[in-house]
Amino acid sequence: MKPLRAQSDFMKVMAFNSPKIAIVFAVFGVAVAGICQPFLGWIFADLLITLSIPVEFIKVRLASEGKDTELWKSELETDTERLAILMTILGGVTFVSYIIKSYLFTVLGENVTIRIRELLY
């Protein structure tokens, strides 16, 4: 299997990457961005559900829990704030990971191109 890997064009190009540690951080950025996407969808769906619940249902639930039914505004506000903060945090993490990924893959691509051109010319 090792001789086949040594002959592949991909492995030949990978040898020109510099600095090699940037590959690890770029892949880490891709992984973090990919992991955040399902959570963004989940929290956004929860936010939409929270904002679309009729007020009467919230009052009925509060009454069944023995709470004052006029607390629906503060409960809805608390839930909305919590979900908005989570969306902001996940959005920030996704943004930073995309910036890291884009920058590092750009630098790696430029370095590979420069090294190949130096060898060719």
C-alpha atoms as a PDB file:
ATOM      1  CA  MET A   1       0.000   0.000   0.000  1.00  0.00           C
ATOM      2  CA  LYS A   2       2.883   2.378   0.745  1.00  0.00           C
ATOM      3  CA  PRO A   3       4.238   2.341  -2.844  1.00  0.00           C
ATOM      4  CA  LEU A   4       0.770   3.230  -4.149  1.00  0.00           C
ATOM      5  CA  ARG A   5       0.543   6.194  -1.774  1.00  0.00           C
ATOM      6  CA  ALA A   6       3.970   7.406  -2.814  1.00  0.00           C
ATOM      7  CA  GLN A   7       2.879   7.382  -6.466  1.00  0.00           C
ATOM      8  CA  SER A   8      -0.383   9.292  -6.019  1.00  0.00           C
ATOM      9  CA  ASP A   9      -0.462  12.881  -7.251  1.00  0.00           C
ATOM     10  CA  PHE A  10      -2.144  13.995  -4.055  1.00  0.00           C
ATOM     11  CA  MET A  11       0.701  12.729  -1.883  1.00  0.00           C
ATOM     12  CA  LYS A  12       3.268  14.323  -4.177  1.00  0.00           C
ATOM     13  CA  VAL A  13       1.555  17.708  -3.785  1.00  0.00           C
ATOM     14  CA  MET A  14       1.105  17.244  -0.029  1.00  0.00           C
ATOM     15  CA  ALA A  15       4.880  16.982   0.313  1.00  0.00           C
ATOM     16  CA  PHE A  16       5.171  20.617  -0.800  1.00  0.00           C
ATOM     17  CA  ASN A  17       2.944  21.973   1.968  1.00  0.00           C
ATOM     18  CA  SER A  18       4.718  24.331   4.312  1.00  0.00           C
ATOM     19  CA  PRO A  19       4.374  24.734   7.298  1.00  0.00           C
ATOM     20  CA  LYS A  20       2.920  21.295   7.876  1.00  0.00           C
ATOM     21  CA  ILE A  21       1.509  22.214  11.289  1.00  0.00           C
ATOM     22  CA  ALA A  22      -0.887  24.614   9.527  1.00  0.00           C
ATOM     23  CA  ILE A  23      -2.653  21.585   8.053  1.00  0.00           C
ATOM     24  CA  VAL A  24      -3.579  20.414  11.550  1.00  0.00           C
ATOM     25  CA  PHE A  25      -5.010  23.798  12.556  1.00  0.00           C
ATOM     26  CA  ALA A  26      -6.853  24.182   9.242  1.00  0.00           C
ATOM     27  CA  VAL A  27      -8.463  20.757   9.622  1.00  0.00           C
ATOM     28  CA  PHE A  28      -9.320  21.637  13.238  1.00  0.00           C
ATOM     29  CA  GLY A  29     -11.059  24.803  11.981  1.00  0.00           C
ATOM     30  CA  VAL A  30     -13.042  22.765   9.459  1.00  0.00           C
ATOM     31  CA  ALA A  31     -14.043  20.260  12.140  1.00  0.00           C
ATOM     32  CA  VAL A  32     -15.215  22.958  14.561  1.00  0.00           C
ATOM     33  CA  ALA A  33     -17.221  24.705  11.835  1.00  0.00           C
ATOM     34  CA  GLY A  34     -18.797  21.397  10.831  1.00  0.00           C
ATOM     35  CA  ILE A  35     -19.672  20.473  14.387  1.00  0.00           C
ATOM     36  CA  CYS A  36     -21.332  23.843  15.023  1.00  0.00           C
ATOM     37  CA  GLN A  37     -23.707  23.614  12.047  1.00  0.00           C
ATOM     38  CA  PRO A  38     -26.150  21.027  13.478  1.00  0.00           C
ATOM     39  CA  PHE A  39     -26.275  22.888  16.780  1.00  0.00           C
ATOM     40  CA  LEU A  40     -27.058  26.165  15.001  1.00  0.00           C
ATOM     41  CA  GLY A  41     -29.973  24.460  13.259  1.00  0.00           C
ATOM     42  CA  TRP A  42     -31.178  22.874  16.468  1.00  0.00           C
ATOM     43  CA  ILE A  43     -31.088  26.128  18.451  1.00  0.00           C
ATOM     44  CA  PHE A  44     -32.651  28.103  15.596  1.00  0.00           C
ATOM     45  CA  ALA A  45     -35.523  25.602  15.377  1.00  0.00           C
ATOM     46  CA  ASP A  46     -35.975  25.806  19.155  1.00  0.00           C
ATOM     47  CA  LEU A  47     -36.049  29.611  18.910  1.00  0.00           C
ATOM     48  CA  LEU A  48     -38.693  29.488  16.186  1.00  0.00           C
ATOM     49  CA  ILE A  49     -40.790  27.073  18.232  1.00  0.00           C
ATOM     50  CA  THR A  50     -40.439  29.280  21.316  1.00  0.00           C
ATOM     51  CA  LEU A  51     -41.521  32.378  19.420  1.00  0.00           C
ATOM     52  CA  SER A  52     -44.487  30.654  17.759  1.00  0.00           C
ATOM     53  CA  ILE A  53     -46.121  29.196  20.906  1.00  0.00           C
ATOM     54  CA  PRO A  54     -49.490  30.884  21.491  1.00  0.00           C
ATOM     55  CA  VAL A  55     -49.691  32.885  24.714  1.00  0.00           C
ATOM     56  CA  GLU A  56     -52.713  30.873  25.876  1.00  0.00           C
ATOM     57  CA  PHE A  57     -50.639  27.678  25.938  1.00  0.00           C
ATOM     58  CA  ILE A  58     -47.957  29.362  28.028  1.00  0.00           C
ATOM     59  CA  LYS A  59     -50.608  30.627  30.479  1.00  0.00           C
ATOM     60  CA  VAL A  60     -52.174  27.151  30.745  1.00  0.00           C
ATOM     61  CA  ARG A  61     -48.773  25.581  31.448  1.00  0.00           C
ATOM     62  CA  LEU A  62     -47.968  28.192  34.090  1.00  0.00           C
ATOM     63  CA  ALA A  63     -51.373  27.648  35.722  1.00  0.00           C
ATOM     64  CA  SER A  64     -50.826  23.876  35.777  1.00  0.00           C
ATOM     65  CA  GLU A  65     -47.476  24.458  37.529  1.00  0.00           C
ATOM     66  CA  GLY A  66     -49.159  26.674  40.112  1.00  0.00           C
ATOM     67  CA  LYS A  67     -47.460  29.865  38.930  1.00  0.00           C
ATOM     68  CA  ASP A  68     -48.975  33.253  38.178  1.00  0.00           C
ATOM     69  CA  THR A  69     -50.267  33.310  34.608  1.00  0.00           C
ATOM     70  CA  GLU A  70     -49.081  36.885  34.145  1.00  0.00           C
ATOM     71  CA  LEU A  71     -45.466  35.711  34.260  1.00  0.00           C
ATOM     72  CA  TRP A  72     -45.682  34.522  30.646  1.00  0.00           C
ATOM     73  CA  LYS A  73     -43.909  37.630  29.354  1.00  0.00           C
ATOM     74  CA  SER A  74     -40.885  37.215  31.578  1.00  0.00           C
ATOM     75  CA  GLU A  75     -40.689  33.475  30.877  1.00  0.00           C
ATOM     76  CA  LEU A  76     -40.879  34.024  27.130  1.00  0.00           C
ATOM     77  CA  GLU A  77     -38.275  36.778  27.377  1.00  0.00           C
ATOM     78  CA  THR A  78     -35.939  34.561  29.423  1.00  0.00           C
ATOM     79  CA  ASP A  79     -36.205  31.676  26.938  1.00  0.00           C
ATOM     80  CA  THR A  80     -35.688  33.981  23.975  1.00  0.00           C
ATOM     81  CA  GLU A  81     -32.642  35.636  25.558  1.00  0.00           C
ATOM     82  CA  ARG A  82     -31.073  32.280  26.385  1.00  0.00           C
ATOM     83  CA  LEU A  83     -31.536  30.979  22.857  1.00  0.00           C
ATOM     84  CA  ALA A  84     -30.321  34.247  21.305  1.00  0.00           C
ATOM     85  CA  ILE A  85     -27.163  34.142  23.427  1.00  0.00           C
ATOM     86  CA  LEU A  86     -26.523  30.524  22.394  1.00  0.00           C
ATOM     87  CA  MET A  87     -27.036  31.460  18.721  1.00  0.00           C
ATOM     88  CA  THR A  88     -24.602  34.352  19.095  1.00  0.00           C
ATOM     89  CA  ILE A  89     -21.942  32.185  20.731  1.00  0.00           C
ATOM     90  CA  LEU A  90     -22.261  29.433  18.126  1.00  0.00           C
ATOM     91  CA  GLY A  91     -22.280  31.998  15.331  1.00  0.00           C
ATOM     92  CA  GLY A  92     -19.099  33.565  16.698  1.00  0.00           C
ATOM     93  CA  VAL A  93     -17.370  30.195  17.011  1.00  0.00           C
ATOM     94  CA  THR A  94     -18.399  29.291  13.463  1.00  0.00           C
ATOM     95  CA  PHE A  95     -17.169  32.648  12.150  1.00  0.00           C
ATOM     96  CA  VAL A  96     -13.775  32.336  13.841  1.00  0.00           C
ATOM     97  CA  SER A  97     -13.306  28.745  12.685  1.00  0.00           C
ATOM     98  CA  TYR A  98     -14.173  29.701   9.082  1.00  0.00           C
ATOM     99  CA  ILE A  99     -11.680  32.587   9.206  1.00  0.00           C
ATOM    100  CA  ILE A 100      -8.940  30.295  10.543  1.00  0.00           C
ATOM    101  CA  LYS A 101      -9.731  27.603   7.995  1.00  0.00           C
ATOM    102  CA  SER A 102      -9.860  29.995   5.060  1.00  0.00           C
ATOM    103  CA  TYR A 103      -6.659  31.794   6.009  1.00  0.00           C
ATOM    104  CA  LEU A 104      -4.619  28.657   6.629  1.00  0.00           C
ATOM    105  CA  PHE A 105      -5.767  26.840   3.493  1.00  0.00           C
ATOM    106  CA  THR A 106      -5.026  29.986   1.469  1.00  0.00           C
ATOM    107  CA  VAL A 107      -1.511  30.215   2.901  1.00  0.00           C
ATOM    108  CA  LEU A 108      -0.910  26.513   2.316  1.00  0.00           C
ATOM    109  CA  GLY A 109      -2.154  26.764  -1.262  1.00  0.00           C
ATOM    110  CA  GLU A 110       0.069  29.735  -1.987  1.00  0.00           C
ATOM    111  CA  ASN A 111       3.107  27.996  -0.511  1.00  0.00           C
ATOM    112  CA  VAL A 112       2.484  24.852  -2.557  1.00  0.00           C
ATOM    113  CA  THR A 113       2.105  26.903  -5.731  1.00  0.00           C
ATOM    114  CA  ILE A 114       5.297  28.864  -5.063  1.00  0.00           C
ATOM    115  CA  ARG A 115       7.349  25.738  -4.307  1.00  0.00           C
ATOM    116  CA  ILE A 116       6.090  23.937  -7.420  1.00  0.00           C
ATOM    117  CA  ARG A 117       6.832  26.967  -9.584  1.00  0.00           C
ATOM    118  CA  GLU A 118      10.328  27.221  -8.128  1.00  0.00           C
ATOM    119  CA  LEU A 119      10.955  23.602  -9.071  1.00  0.00           C
ATOM    120  CA  LEU A 120       9.547  24.020 -12.565  1.00  0.00           C
ATOM    121  CA  TYR A 121      11.320  27.245 -13.525  1.00  0.00           C
END
